[in-house]
Amino acid sequence: MEFRRLYLPDIIEWDEEQTTDTFGRLEVTPLERGFGRTLGTALRRVLLSSIEGSAPVAIRIEGVKHEFTALDGVVEDVPEIILNVKSLGIRHEGEEPGTLRADVEGPAEVKAGDLEGDDFLSIANSDDPVAQVTEGGSLRMEIEVQRGKGYVTADEWRERREEEIGTILLDSWFGPVQKVNFEVDSARVGDKTDYDKLTMEVRTDGSITPRDAVRKACEILIRHLELVVTGRSPEEEVEEAEEAEGVEAEEAEEGEVEVEDIPLKETKLSPRLVNCLAASDVTTLPQLVSMTESDLLSVRNFGQASLKKVRDMLDSRGLTLAGE
């Protein structure tokens, strides 16, 4: 029986005609038999559960003390407004919690794009409706947005924070990926047809593109596999990285000493300047950089032109005179 090496895919491409900010179709082929489902299942699980995103976690509406309230002058009741708010595709480019606000007098149709707030927040689905305010009505509300991962219920938020009157805590789904489907078909390599072709369809809320979502999912999987290969915990890797940085810093310091501790005659200074400085017992770079401008100008036969040449040589080495 002829030995056949492990075949790796050579076609990995997105369907450019159908790819948008919210939808993408990826094809990976050819794969060894069984690898299509293995890869598809792993990516789908990570895409739906482990991609970090942002979501509303609390909402405050003027005149509302709890979620089972009807608002005068607003067509939707509070539960409907909450559902619309929870469907927002929010890009959160900061670290701290952010706030979105609405302050609208009727008649007006409030859309997602009408919400204003912190500069690091933006809304992908800006045309989606939030509420409709009638003549004489008004809507004033604040929406608290945080970064996170997975699903956090309102009860879990209550355990984590002190509940305030008028603040409605929300069930928060942070995952920006809404749906992932994949199919595994047969693929041909030469005269053999027992290979897999993986086709994945990824739909997001617009806060992240399907390409970026798949890239992040791959990074998460690679990170886990690296830990399996090395057998080290993340804490051990951090410690090793810090030690390596310390060694590099020490080597850099030692390297600087070696570079500086050279005779001036091995630099680009002219023989006249080297002899001029040597007459004042300045023969090495460490001795030169320890001198100030006034020290040099006090050297016999050393003027402004000589000072400029010394500065140019030191600058080429990333050095300066003392006090500069």
C-alpha atoms as a PDB file:
ATOM      1  CA  MET A   1       0.000   0.000   0.000  1.00  0.00           C
ATOM      2  CA  GLU A   2       1.405   3.376  -1.003  1.00  0.00           C
ATOM      3  CA  PHE A   3       2.058   5.802   1.870  1.00  0.00           C
ATOM      4  CA  ARG A   4       0.085   9.013   1.539  1.00  0.00           C
ATOM      5  CA  ARG A   5       1.181  12.103   3.436  1.00  0.00           C
ATOM      6  CA  LEU A   6      -1.245  14.292   5.393  1.00  0.00           C
ATOM      7  CA  TYR A   7      -2.849  16.649   2.908  1.00  0.00           C
ATOM      8  CA  LEU A   8      -3.318  20.295   3.902  1.00  0.00           C
ATOM      9  CA  PRO A   9      -5.876  22.631   2.287  1.00  0.00           C
ATOM     10  CA  ASP A  10      -4.645  24.873  -0.516  1.00  0.00           C
ATOM     11  CA  ILE A  11      -7.930  26.697  -1.152  1.00  0.00           C
ATOM     12  CA  ILE A  12      -9.078  28.976   1.674  1.00  0.00           C
ATOM     13  CA  GLU A  13     -11.265  31.728   0.296  1.00  0.00           C
ATOM     14  CA  TRP A  14     -14.292  33.893   1.048  1.00  0.00           C
ATOM     15  CA  ASP A  15     -17.119  34.316  -1.434  1.00  0.00           C
ATOM     16  CA  GLU A  16     -16.496  37.979  -2.282  1.00  0.00           C
ATOM     17  CA  GLU A  17     -19.828  38.386  -4.064  1.00  0.00           C
ATOM     18  CA  GLN A  18     -21.835  37.537  -0.956  1.00  0.00           C
ATOM     19  CA  THR A  19     -19.539  38.774   1.819  1.00  0.00           C
ATOM     20  CA  THR A  20     -20.808  41.823   3.744  1.00  0.00           C
ATOM     21  CA  ASP A  21     -20.222  43.352   7.166  1.00  0.00           C
ATOM     22  CA  THR A  22     -22.720  40.885   8.626  1.00  0.00           C
ATOM     23  CA  PHE A  23     -22.515  37.792   6.418  1.00  0.00           C
ATOM     24  CA  GLY A  24     -19.722  35.723   4.942  1.00  0.00           C
ATOM     25  CA  ARG A  25     -19.220  32.316   3.288  1.00  0.00           C
ATOM     26  CA  LEU A  26     -15.848  30.616   3.701  1.00  0.00           C
ATOM     27  CA  GLU A  27     -14.593  27.593   1.765  1.00  0.00           C
ATOM     28  CA  VAL A  28     -11.687  25.429   2.948  1.00  0.00           C
ATOM     29  CA  THR A  29     -10.576  22.530   0.741  1.00  0.00           C
ATOM     30  CA  PRO A  30      -9.227  19.916   0.379  1.00  0.00           C
ATOM     31  CA  LEU A  31      -9.109  18.436   3.859  1.00  0.00           C
ATOM     32  CA  GLU A  32      -8.318  14.915   4.970  1.00  0.00           C
ATOM     33  CA  ARG A  33     -11.413  12.786   5.471  1.00  0.00           C
ATOM     34  CA  GLY A  34     -13.005  13.762   8.800  1.00  0.00           C
ATOM     35  CA  PHE A  35     -11.099  17.028   9.159  1.00  0.00           C
ATOM     36  CA  GLY A  36     -13.967  19.015   7.632  1.00  0.00           C
ATOM     37  CA  ARG A  37     -16.308  18.155  10.483  1.00  0.00           C
ATOM     38  CA  THR A  38     -13.522  18.409  13.071  1.00  0.00           C
ATOM     39  CA  LEU A  39     -12.521  21.891  11.953  1.00  0.00           C
ATOM     40  CA  GLY A  40     -16.089  23.066  11.350  1.00  0.00           C
ATOM     41  CA  THR A  41     -17.335  21.913  14.754  1.00  0.00           C
ATOM     42  CA  ALA A  42     -14.405  23.505  16.610  1.00  0.00           C
ATOM     43  CA  LEU A  43     -14.733  26.841  14.822  1.00  0.00           C
ATOM     44  CA  ARG A  44     -18.523  26.917  15.210  1.00  0.00           C
ATOM     45  CA  ARG A  45     -18.302  26.261  18.954  1.00  0.00           C
ATOM     46  CA  VAL A  46     -15.718  29.021  19.490  1.00  0.00           C
ATOM     47  CA  LEU A  47     -17.523  31.500  17.224  1.00  0.00           C
ATOM     48  CA  LEU A  48     -20.800  31.114  19.109  1.00  0.00           C
ATOM     49  CA  SER A  49     -19.421  31.023  22.654  1.00  0.00           C
ATOM     50  CA  SER A  50     -16.027  32.669  23.001  1.00  0.00           C
ATOM     51  CA  ILE A  51     -15.779  35.781  20.815  1.00  0.00           C
ATOM     52  CA  GLU A  52     -15.704  38.917  22.940  1.00  0.00           C
ATOM     53  CA  GLY A  53     -18.284  41.586  22.228  1.00  0.00           C
ATOM     54  CA  SER A  54     -20.354  44.305  23.852  1.00  0.00           C
ATOM     55  CA  ALA A  55     -23.954  44.518  24.995  1.00  0.00           C
ATOM     56  CA  PRO A  56     -26.385  46.672  26.988  1.00  0.00           C
ATOM     57  CA  VAL A  57     -26.393  45.614  30.644  1.00  0.00           C
ATOM     58  CA  ALA A  58     -28.755  48.194  32.175  1.00  0.00           C
ATOM     59  CA  ILE A  59     -31.242  50.825  31.082  1.00  0.00           C
ATOM     60  CA  ARG A  60     -32.713  53.859  32.849  1.00  0.00           C
ATOM     61  CA  ILE A  61     -35.824  55.569  31.453  1.00  0.00           C
ATOM     62  CA  GLU A  62     -37.175  58.783  32.908  1.00  0.00           C
ATOM     63  CA  GLY A  63     -40.456  58.111  34.717  1.00  0.00           C
ATOM     64  CA  VAL A  64     -39.958  54.333  34.780  1.00  0.00           C
ATOM     65  CA  LYS A  65     -39.276  52.440  38.016  1.00  0.00           C
ATOM     66  CA  HIS A  66     -39.617  48.892  36.680  1.00  0.00           C
ATOM     67  CA  GLU A  67     -39.836  47.142  33.330  1.00  0.00           C
ATOM     68  CA  PHE A  68     -43.582  46.440  33.425  1.00  0.00           C
ATOM     69  CA  THR A  69     -44.541  50.032  32.730  1.00  0.00           C
ATOM     70  CA  ALA A  70     -46.365  51.847  29.959  1.00  0.00           C
ATOM     71  CA  LEU A  71     -44.998  55.226  28.883  1.00  0.00           C
ATOM     72  CA  ASP A  72     -47.315  58.127  28.075  1.00  0.00           C
ATOM     73  CA  GLY A  73     -46.589  59.505  24.644  1.00  0.00           C
ATOM     74  CA  VAL A  74     -44.603  56.431  23.517  1.00  0.00           C
ATOM     75  CA  VAL A  75     -46.142  53.774  21.279  1.00  0.00           C
ATOM     76  CA  GLU A  76     -44.008  50.901  22.606  1.00  0.00           C
ATOM     77  CA  ASP A  77     -44.162  49.749  26.198  1.00  0.00           C
ATOM     78  CA  VAL A  78     -40.974  49.252  28.223  1.00  0.00           C
ATOM     79  CA  PRO A  79     -40.535  45.507  27.413  1.00  0.00           C
ATOM     80  CA  GLU A  80     -40.663  46.328  23.687  1.00  0.00           C
ATOM     81  CA  ILE A  81     -38.108  49.121  24.061  1.00  0.00           C
ATOM     82  CA  ILE A  82     -35.845  46.757  26.009  1.00  0.00           C
ATOM     83  CA  LEU A  83     -36.054  44.137  23.251  1.00  0.00           C
ATOM     84  CA  ASN A  84     -35.117  46.767  20.669  1.00  0.00           C
ATOM     85  CA  VAL A  85     -32.200  47.949  22.810  1.00  0.00           C
ATOM     86  CA  LYS A  86     -30.925  44.400  23.328  1.00  0.00           C
ATOM     87  CA  SER A  87     -30.821  43.897  19.536  1.00  0.00           C
ATOM     88  CA  LEU A  88     -28.357  46.755  19.033  1.00  0.00           C
ATOM     89  CA  GLY A  89     -25.062  45.835  17.373  1.00  0.00           C
ATOM     90  CA  ILE A  90     -22.656  47.941  19.444  1.00  0.00           C
ATOM     91  CA  ARG A  91     -18.943  48.402  18.773  1.00  0.00           C
ATOM     92  CA  HIS A  92     -17.101  49.094  22.032  1.00  0.00           C
ATOM     93  CA  GLU A  93     -13.504  50.227  21.446  1.00  0.00           C
ATOM     94  CA  GLY A  94     -12.764  51.265  25.035  1.00  0.00           C
ATOM     95  CA  GLU A  95     -12.107  49.406  28.267  1.00  0.00           C
ATOM     96  CA  GLU A  96     -14.502  51.023  30.742  1.00  0.00           C
ATOM     97  CA  PRO A  97     -18.322  50.783  30.614  1.00  0.00           C
ATOM     98  CA  GLY A  98     -19.927  53.270  28.233  1.00  0.00           C
ATOM     99  CA  THR A  99     -23.280  55.032  28.004  1.00  0.00           C
ATOM    100  CA  LEU A 100     -25.719  55.667  25.155  1.00  0.00           C
ATOM    101  CA  ARG A 101     -28.399  58.333  25.585  1.00  0.00           C
ATOM    102  CA  ALA A 102     -31.671  59.406  23.990  1.00  0.00           C
ATOM    103  CA  ASP A 103     -33.429  62.711  24.645  1.00  0.00           C
ATOM    104  CA  VAL A 104     -36.289  63.022  22.184  1.00  0.00           C
ATOM    105  CA  GLU A 105     -39.442  65.141  22.007  1.00  0.00           C
ATOM    106  CA  GLY A 106     -42.349  63.869  19.920  1.00  0.00           C
ATOM    107  CA  PRO A 107     -43.471  63.376  17.332  1.00  0.00           C
ATOM    108  CA  ALA A 108     -40.397  61.391  16.337  1.00  0.00           C
ATOM    109  CA  GLU A 109     -39.217  57.924  15.426  1.00  0.00           C
ATOM    110  CA  VAL A 110     -36.163  57.011  17.477  1.00  0.00           C
ATOM    111  CA  LYS A 111     -33.699  54.808  15.612  1.00  0.00           C
ATOM    112  CA  ALA A 112     -30.514  53.180  16.822  1.00  0.00           C
ATOM    113  CA  GLY A 113     -28.446  55.786  14.994  1.00  0.00           C
ATOM    114  CA  ASP A 114     -30.133  58.570  17.001  1.00  0.00           C
ATOM    115  CA  LEU A 115     -28.568  57.342  20.232  1.00  0.00           C
ATOM    116  CA  GLU A 116     -25.605  59.435  21.352  1.00  0.00           C
ATOM    117  CA  GLY A 117     -22.913  58.627  23.873  1.00  0.00           C
ATOM    118  CA  ASP A 118     -19.239  58.019  24.494  1.00  0.00           C
ATOM    119  CA  ASP A 119     -16.821  58.387  21.584  1.00  0.00           C
ATOM    120  CA  PHE A 120     -15.647  54.774  21.875  1.00  0.00           C
ATOM    121  CA  LEU A 121     -19.179  53.469  21.220  1.00  0.00           C
ATOM    122  CA  SER A 122     -20.748  53.123  17.781  1.00  0.00           C
ATOM    123  CA  ILE A 123     -23.799  51.286  16.472  1.00  0.00           C
ATOM    124  CA  ALA A 124     -23.664  49.004  13.448  1.00  0.00           C
ATOM    125  CA  ASN A 125     -27.415  48.641  12.805  1.00  0.00           C
ATOM    126  CA  SER A 126     -28.179  52.373  12.940  1.00  0.00           C
ATOM    127  CA  ASP A 127     -31.454  52.090  10.979  1.00  0.00           C
ATOM    128  CA  ASP A 128     -33.139  49.684  13.415  1.00  0.00           C
ATOM    129  CA  PRO A 129     -36.088  51.201  15.358  1.00  0.00           C
ATOM    130  CA  VAL A 130     -35.918  51.777  19.115  1.00  0.00           C
ATOM    131  CA  ALA A 131     -39.189  53.591  19.884  1.00  0.00           C
ATOM    132  CA  GLN A 132     -41.830  55.873  18.396  1.00  0.00           C
ATOM    133  CA  VAL A 133     -42.713  59.028  20.309  1.00  0.00           C
ATOM    134  CA  THR A 134     -46.110  60.640  19.654  1.00  0.00           C
ATOM    135  CA  GLU A 135     -47.136  64.311  19.654  1.00  0.00           C
ATOM    136  CA  GLY A 136     -46.561  65.821  23.081  1.00  0.00           C
ATOM    137  CA  GLY A 137     -44.609  62.814  24.314  1.00  0.00           C
ATOM    138  CA  SER A 138     -40.937  62.484  25.204  1.00  0.00           C
ATOM    139  CA  LEU A 139     -38.363  59.773  25.747  1.00  0.00           C
ATOM    140  CA  ARG A 140     -35.280  60.233  27.907  1.00  0.00           C
ATOM    141  CA  MET A 141     -33.162  57.196  28.643  1.00  0.00           C
ATOM    142  CA  GLU A 142     -29.618  56.027  29.330  1.00  0.00           C
ATOM    143  CA  ILE A 143     -28.207  52.670  28.273  1.00  0.00           C
ATOM    144  CA  GLU A 144     -25.138  51.242  30.018  1.00  0.00           C
ATOM    145  CA  VAL A 145     -22.886  49.211  27.716  1.00  0.00           C
ATOM    146  CA  GLN A 146     -20.068  46.870  28.740  1.00  0.00           C
ATOM    147  CA  ARG A 147     -17.625  44.490  27.071  1.00  0.00           C
ATOM    148  CA  GLY A 148     -17.860  40.808  27.864  1.00  0.00           C
ATOM    149  CA  LYS A 149     -18.171  37.238  26.665  1.00  0.00           C
ATOM    150  CA  GLY A 150     -21.020  34.773  26.609  1.00  0.00           C
ATOM    151  CA  TYR A 151     -24.392  35.227  28.314  1.00  0.00           C
ATOM    152  CA  VAL A 152     -25.030  37.008  31.610  1.00  0.00           C
ATOM    153  CA  THR A 153     -28.524  37.032  33.117  1.00  0.00           C
ATOM    154  CA  ALA A 154     -30.116  39.972  34.935  1.00  0.00           C
ATOM    155  CA  ASP A 155     -30.002  37.916  38.161  1.00  0.00           C
ATOM    156  CA  GLU A 156     -26.234  37.523  37.778  1.00  0.00           C
ATOM    157  CA  TRP A 157     -25.875  41.288  37.341  1.00  0.00           C
ATOM    158  CA  ARG A 158     -27.857  41.778  40.574  1.00  0.00           C
ATOM    159  CA  GLU A 159     -25.352  39.594  42.400  1.00  0.00           C
ATOM    160  CA  ARG A 160     -22.423  41.598  41.035  1.00  0.00           C
ATOM    161  CA  ARG A 161     -23.670  45.145  41.649  1.00  0.00           C
ATOM    162  CA  GLU A 162     -25.868  47.187  43.926  1.00  0.00           C
ATOM    163  CA  GLU A 163     -29.299  47.611  42.410  1.00  0.00           C
ATOM    164  CA  GLU A 164     -30.589  51.173  42.087  1.00  0.00           C
ATOM    165  CA  ILE A 165     -34.209  52.269  41.917  1.00  0.00           C
ATOM    166  CA  GLY A 166     -35.115  53.083  38.334  1.00  0.00           C
ATOM    167  CA  THR A 167     -32.278  50.999  36.858  1.00  0.00           C
ATOM    168  CA  ILE A 168     -33.480  47.969  34.918  1.00  0.00           C
ATOM    169  CA  LEU A 169     -30.831  45.258  34.632  1.00  0.00           C
ATOM    170  CA  LEU A 170     -30.886  43.257  31.406  1.00  0.00           C
ATOM    171  CA  ASP A 171     -30.077  39.750  30.268  1.00  0.00           C
ATOM    172  CA  SER A 172     -26.939  40.398  28.213  1.00  0.00           C
ATOM    173  CA  TRP A 173     -25.699  38.382  25.253  1.00  0.00           C
ATOM    174  CA  PHE A 174     -22.198  39.598  24.414  1.00  0.00           C
ATOM    175  CA  GLY A 175     -21.498  37.304  21.480  1.00  0.00           C
ATOM    176  CA  PRO A 176     -21.409  39.286  18.214  1.00  0.00           C
ATOM    177  CA  VAL A 177     -21.854  36.110  16.141  1.00  0.00           C
ATOM    178  CA  GLN A 178     -25.535  35.342  15.620  1.00  0.00           C
ATOM    179  CA  LYS A 179     -25.474  32.219  13.495  1.00  0.00           C
ATOM    180  CA  VAL A 180     -22.955  29.709  12.123  1.00  0.00           C
ATOM    181  CA  ASN A 181     -23.711  26.919   9.665  1.00  0.00           C
ATOM    182  CA  PHE A 182     -21.274  24.551   7.995  1.00  0.00           C
ATOM    183  CA  GLU A 183     -21.448  21.795   5.429  1.00  0.00           C
ATOM    184  CA  VAL A 184     -18.934  19.094   4.570  1.00  0.00           C
ATOM    185  CA  ASP A 185     -18.894  17.800   1.001  1.00  0.00           C
ATOM    186  CA  SER A 186     -16.586  15.497  -0.923  1.00  0.00           C
ATOM    187  CA  ALA A 187     -13.580  16.967  -2.679  1.00  0.00           C
ATOM    188  CA  ARG A 188     -11.256  15.577  -5.337  1.00  0.00           C
ATOM    189  CA  VAL A 189      -7.465  15.575  -5.333  1.00  0.00           C
ATOM    190  CA  GLY A 190      -6.129  13.996  -8.497  1.00  0.00           C
ATOM    191  CA  ASP A 191      -7.985  10.711  -8.978  1.00  0.00           C
ATOM    192  CA  LYS A 192      -9.009  10.436  -5.314  1.00  0.00           C
ATOM    193  CA  THR A 193     -12.379  11.672  -4.086  1.00  0.00           C
ATOM    194  CA  ASP A 194     -12.169  10.805  -0.383  1.00  0.00           C
ATOM    195  CA  TYR A 195     -11.300  14.351   0.759  1.00  0.00           C
ATOM    196  CA  ASP A 196     -13.492  16.932   2.520  1.00  0.00           C
ATOM    197  CA  LYS A 197     -14.584  20.414   1.476  1.00  0.00           C
ATOM    198  CA  LEU A 198     -15.699  22.611   4.383  1.00  0.00           C
ATOM    199  CA  THR A 199     -18.120  25.468   3.661  1.00  0.00           C
ATOM    200  CA  MET A 200     -18.980  27.793   6.554  1.00  0.00           C
ATOM    201  CA  GLU A 201     -21.586  30.550   6.676  1.00  0.00           C
ATOM    202  CA  VAL A 202     -21.128  33.128   9.447  1.00  0.00           C
ATOM    203  CA  ARG A 203     -23.626  35.853  10.355  1.00  0.00           C
ATOM    204  CA  THR A 204     -22.789  38.632  12.860  1.00  0.00           C
ATOM    205  CA  ASP A 205     -24.593  41.646  14.320  1.00  0.00           C
ATOM    206  CA  GLY A 206     -22.337  44.021  12.385  1.00  0.00           C
ATOM    207  CA  SER A 207     -20.150  44.994  15.331  1.00  0.00           C
ATOM    208  CA  ILE A 208     -17.522  42.625  13.895  1.00  0.00           C
ATOM    209  CA  THR A 209     -17.131  41.284  10.366  1.00  0.00           C
ATOM    210  CA  PRO A 210     -17.367  37.541   9.671  1.00  0.00           C
ATOM    211  CA  ARG A 211     -13.701  37.537   8.562  1.00  0.00           C
ATOM    212  CA  ASP A 212     -12.543  39.070  11.854  1.00  0.00           C
ATOM    213  CA  ALA A 213     -14.775  36.733  13.852  1.00  0.00           C
ATOM    214  CA  VAL A 214     -13.252  33.655  12.179  1.00  0.00           C
ATOM    215  CA  ARG A 215      -9.746  35.079  12.659  1.00  0.00           C
ATOM    216  CA  LYS A 216     -10.362  35.596  16.396  1.00  0.00           C
ATOM    217  CA  ALA A 217     -11.815  32.085  16.711  1.00  0.00           C
ATOM    218  CA  CYS A 218      -8.695  30.623  15.078  1.00  0.00           C
ATOM    219  CA  GLU A 219      -6.463  32.625  17.437  1.00  0.00           C
ATOM    220  CA  ILE A 220      -8.343  31.247  20.447  1.00  0.00           C
ATOM    221  CA  LEU A 221      -7.959  27.667  19.219  1.00  0.00           C
ATOM    222  CA  ILE A 222      -4.276  28.157  18.378  1.00  0.00           C
ATOM    223  CA  ARG A 223      -3.651  29.598  21.832  1.00  0.00           C
ATOM    224  CA  HIS A 224      -5.171  26.541  23.516  1.00  0.00           C
ATOM    225  CA  LEU A 225      -3.233  24.138  21.312  1.00  0.00           C
ATOM    226  CA  GLU A 226       0.027  25.973  22.039  1.00  0.00           C
ATOM    227  CA  LEU A 227      -0.531  25.407  25.768  1.00  0.00           C
ATOM    228  CA  VAL A 228      -1.138  21.703  25.112  1.00  0.00           C
ATOM    229  CA  VAL A 229       2.104  21.472  23.132  1.00  0.00           C
ATOM    230  CA  THR A 230       4.253  23.339  25.665  1.00  0.00           C
ATOM    231  CA  GLY A 231       2.587  21.832  28.732  1.00  0.00           C
ATOM    232  CA  ARG A 232       2.851  25.180  30.502  1.00  0.00           C
ATOM    233  CA  SER A 233       0.110  27.166  32.177  1.00  0.00           C
ATOM    234  CA  PRO A 234      -0.568  30.779  31.099  1.00  0.00           C
ATOM    235  CA  GLU A 235       0.931  31.953  34.415  1.00  0.00           C
ATOM    236  CA  GLU A 236       4.160  30.062  33.740  1.00  0.00           C
ATOM    237  CA  GLU A 237       4.378  31.554  30.253  1.00  0.00           C
ATOM    238  CA  VAL A 238       3.938  35.061  31.663  1.00  0.00           C
ATOM    239  CA  GLU A 239       6.723  34.423  34.194  1.00  0.00           C
ATOM    240  CA  GLU A 240       9.047  33.091  31.475  1.00  0.00           C
ATOM    241  CA  ALA A 241       8.278  36.083  29.262  1.00  0.00           C
ATOM    242  CA  GLU A 242       9.097  38.473  32.102  1.00  0.00           C
ATOM    243  CA  GLU A 243      12.363  36.654  32.796  1.00  0.00           C
ATOM    244  CA  ALA A 244      13.260  36.777  29.098  1.00  0.00           C
ATOM    245  CA  GLU A 245      12.570  40.511  29.029  1.00  0.00           C
ATOM    246  CA  GLY A 246      14.837  40.960  32.053  1.00  0.00           C
ATOM    247  CA  VAL A 247      17.653  39.029  30.352  1.00  0.00           C
ATOM    248  CA  GLU A 248      17.239  41.069  27.170  1.00  0.00           C
ATOM    249  CA  ALA A 249      17.360  44.306  29.175  1.00  0.00           C
ATOM    250  CA  GLU A 250      20.560  43.173  30.923  1.00  0.00           C
ATOM    251  CA  GLU A 251      22.122  42.154  27.602  1.00  0.00           C
ATOM    252  CA  ALA A 252      21.158  45.499  26.114  1.00  0.00           C
ATOM    253  CA  GLU A 253      22.782  47.335  29.028  1.00  0.00           C
ATOM    254  CA  GLU A 254      25.908  45.210  28.685  1.00  0.00           C
ATOM    255  CA  GLY A 255      25.923  45.849  24.963  1.00  0.00           C
ATOM    256  CA  GLU A 256      25.742  49.593  25.525  1.00  0.00           C
ATOM    257  CA  VAL A 257      28.767  49.430  27.862  1.00  0.00           C
ATOM    258  CA  GLU A 258      30.784  47.504  25.281  1.00  0.00           C
ATOM    259  CA  VAL A 259      29.886  49.976  22.534  1.00  0.00           C
ATOM    260  CA  GLU A 260      30.700  53.009  24.661  1.00  0.00           C
ATOM    261  CA  ASP A 261      33.920  51.636  26.104  1.00  0.00           C
ATOM    262  CA  ILE A 262      35.945  52.072  22.912  1.00  0.00           C
ATOM    263  CA  PRO A 263      38.857  54.413  22.143  1.00  0.00           C
ATOM    264  CA  LEU A 264      38.015  57.680  20.434  1.00  0.00           C
ATOM    265  CA  LYS A 265      40.486  56.830  17.685  1.00  0.00           C
ATOM    266  CA  GLU A 266      38.078  54.059  16.602  1.00  0.00           C
ATOM    267  CA  THR A 267      35.249  56.547  16.117  1.00  0.00           C
ATOM    268  CA  LYS A 268      34.594  58.877  13.195  1.00  0.00           C
ATOM    269  CA  LEU A 269      36.396  61.758  14.890  1.00  0.00           C
ATOM    270  CA  SER A 270      39.328  63.183  12.951  1.00  0.00           C
ATOM    271  CA  PRO A 271      42.872  62.486  14.212  1.00  0.00           C
ATOM    272  CA  ARG A 272      43.233  66.195  15.064  1.00  0.00           C
ATOM    273  CA  LEU A 273      40.185  66.079  17.391  1.00  0.00           C
ATOM    274  CA  VAL A 274      41.287  62.766  18.917  1.00  0.00           C
ATOM    275  CA  ASN A 275      44.735  64.232  19.695  1.00  0.00           C
ATOM    276  CA  CYS A 276      43.192  67.436  20.961  1.00  0.00           C
ATOM    277  CA  LEU A 277      40.997  65.528  23.443  1.00  0.00           C
ATOM    278  CA  ALA A 278      43.801  63.143  24.374  1.00  0.00           C
ATOM    279  CA  ALA A 279      45.834  66.148  25.523  1.00  0.00           C
ATOM    280  CA  SER A 280      43.137  66.613  28.200  1.00  0.00           C
ATOM    281  CA  ASP A 281      43.166  62.882  29.085  1.00  0.00           C
ATOM    282  CA  VAL A 282      39.891  62.195  27.200  1.00  0.00           C
ATOM    283  CA  THR A 283      40.570  59.037  25.181  1.00  0.00           C
ATOM    284  CA  THR A 284      37.367  56.919  25.351  1.00  0.00           C
ATOM    285  CA  LEU A 285      33.656  57.357  24.636  1.00  0.00           C
ATOM    286  CA  PRO A 286      32.593  57.063  28.332  1.00  0.00           C
ATOM    287  CA  GLN A 287      34.981  59.889  29.186  1.00  0.00           C
ATOM    288  CA  LEU A 288      33.665  62.003  26.306  1.00  0.00           C
ATOM    289  CA  VAL A 289      29.938  61.640  27.139  1.00  0.00           C
ATOM    290  CA  SER A 290      30.649  62.523  30.776  1.00  0.00           C
ATOM    291  CA  MET A 291      31.783  65.987  29.688  1.00  0.00           C
ATOM    292  CA  THR A 292      29.536  69.003  29.268  1.00  0.00           C
ATOM    293  CA  GLU A 293      29.617  71.555  26.457  1.00  0.00           C
ATOM    294  CA  SER A 294      31.513  74.023  28.604  1.00  0.00           C
ATOM    295  CA  ASP A 295      34.035  71.313  29.537  1.00  0.00           C
ATOM    296  CA  LEU A 296      34.803  70.687  25.878  1.00  0.00           C
ATOM    297  CA  LEU A 297      35.005  74.352  24.962  1.00  0.00           C
ATOM    298  CA  SER A 298      37.583  74.799  27.718  1.00  0.00           C
ATOM    299  CA  VAL A 299      39.861  72.265  26.012  1.00  0.00           C
ATOM    300  CA  ARG A 300      42.824  73.890  24.238  1.00  0.00           C
ATOM    301  CA  ASN A 301      42.252  74.425  20.480  1.00  0.00           C
ATOM    302  CA  PHE A 302      38.645  73.190  20.752  1.00  0.00           C
ATOM    303  CA  GLY A 303      35.969  75.495  19.283  1.00  0.00           C
ATOM    304  CA  GLN A 304      32.370  75.490  18.052  1.00  0.00           C
ATOM    305  CA  ALA A 305      33.236  73.678  14.815  1.00  0.00           C
ATOM    306  CA  SER A 306      34.926  70.893  16.806  1.00  0.00           C
ATOM    307  CA  LEU A 307      31.953  70.766  19.177  1.00  0.00           C
ATOM    308  CA  LYS A 308      29.578  70.226  16.238  1.00  0.00           C
ATOM    309  CA  LYS A 309      31.680  67.346  14.907  1.00  0.00           C
ATOM    310  CA  VAL A 310      31.668  65.683  18.341  1.00  0.00           C
ATOM    311  CA  ARG A 311      27.898  66.097  18.639  1.00  0.00           C
ATOM    312  CA  ASP A 312      27.375  64.613  15.143  1.00  0.00           C
ATOM    313  CA  MET A 313      29.480  61.565  16.050  1.00  0.00           C
ATOM    314  CA  LEU A 314      27.656  61.031  19.348  1.00  0.00           C
ATOM    315  CA  ASP A 315      24.272  61.487  17.691  1.00  0.00           C
ATOM    316  CA  SER A 316      25.090  58.740  15.171  1.00  0.00           C
ATOM    317  CA  ARG A 317      25.555  56.424  18.169  1.00  0.00           C
ATOM    318  CA  GLY A 318      22.448  57.603  20.014  1.00  0.00           C
ATOM    319  CA  LEU A 319      24.546  59.415  22.644  1.00  0.00           C
ATOM    320  CA  THR A 320      24.703  62.967  23.998  1.00  0.00           C
ATOM    321  CA  LEU A 321      26.978  65.068  26.136  1.00  0.00           C
ATOM    322  CA  ALA A 322      26.361  65.298  29.871  1.00  0.00           C
ATOM    323  CA  GLY A 323      23.474  67.573  30.741  1.00  0.00           C
ATOM    324  CA  GLU A 324      21.852  67.364  27.293  1.00  0.00           C
END
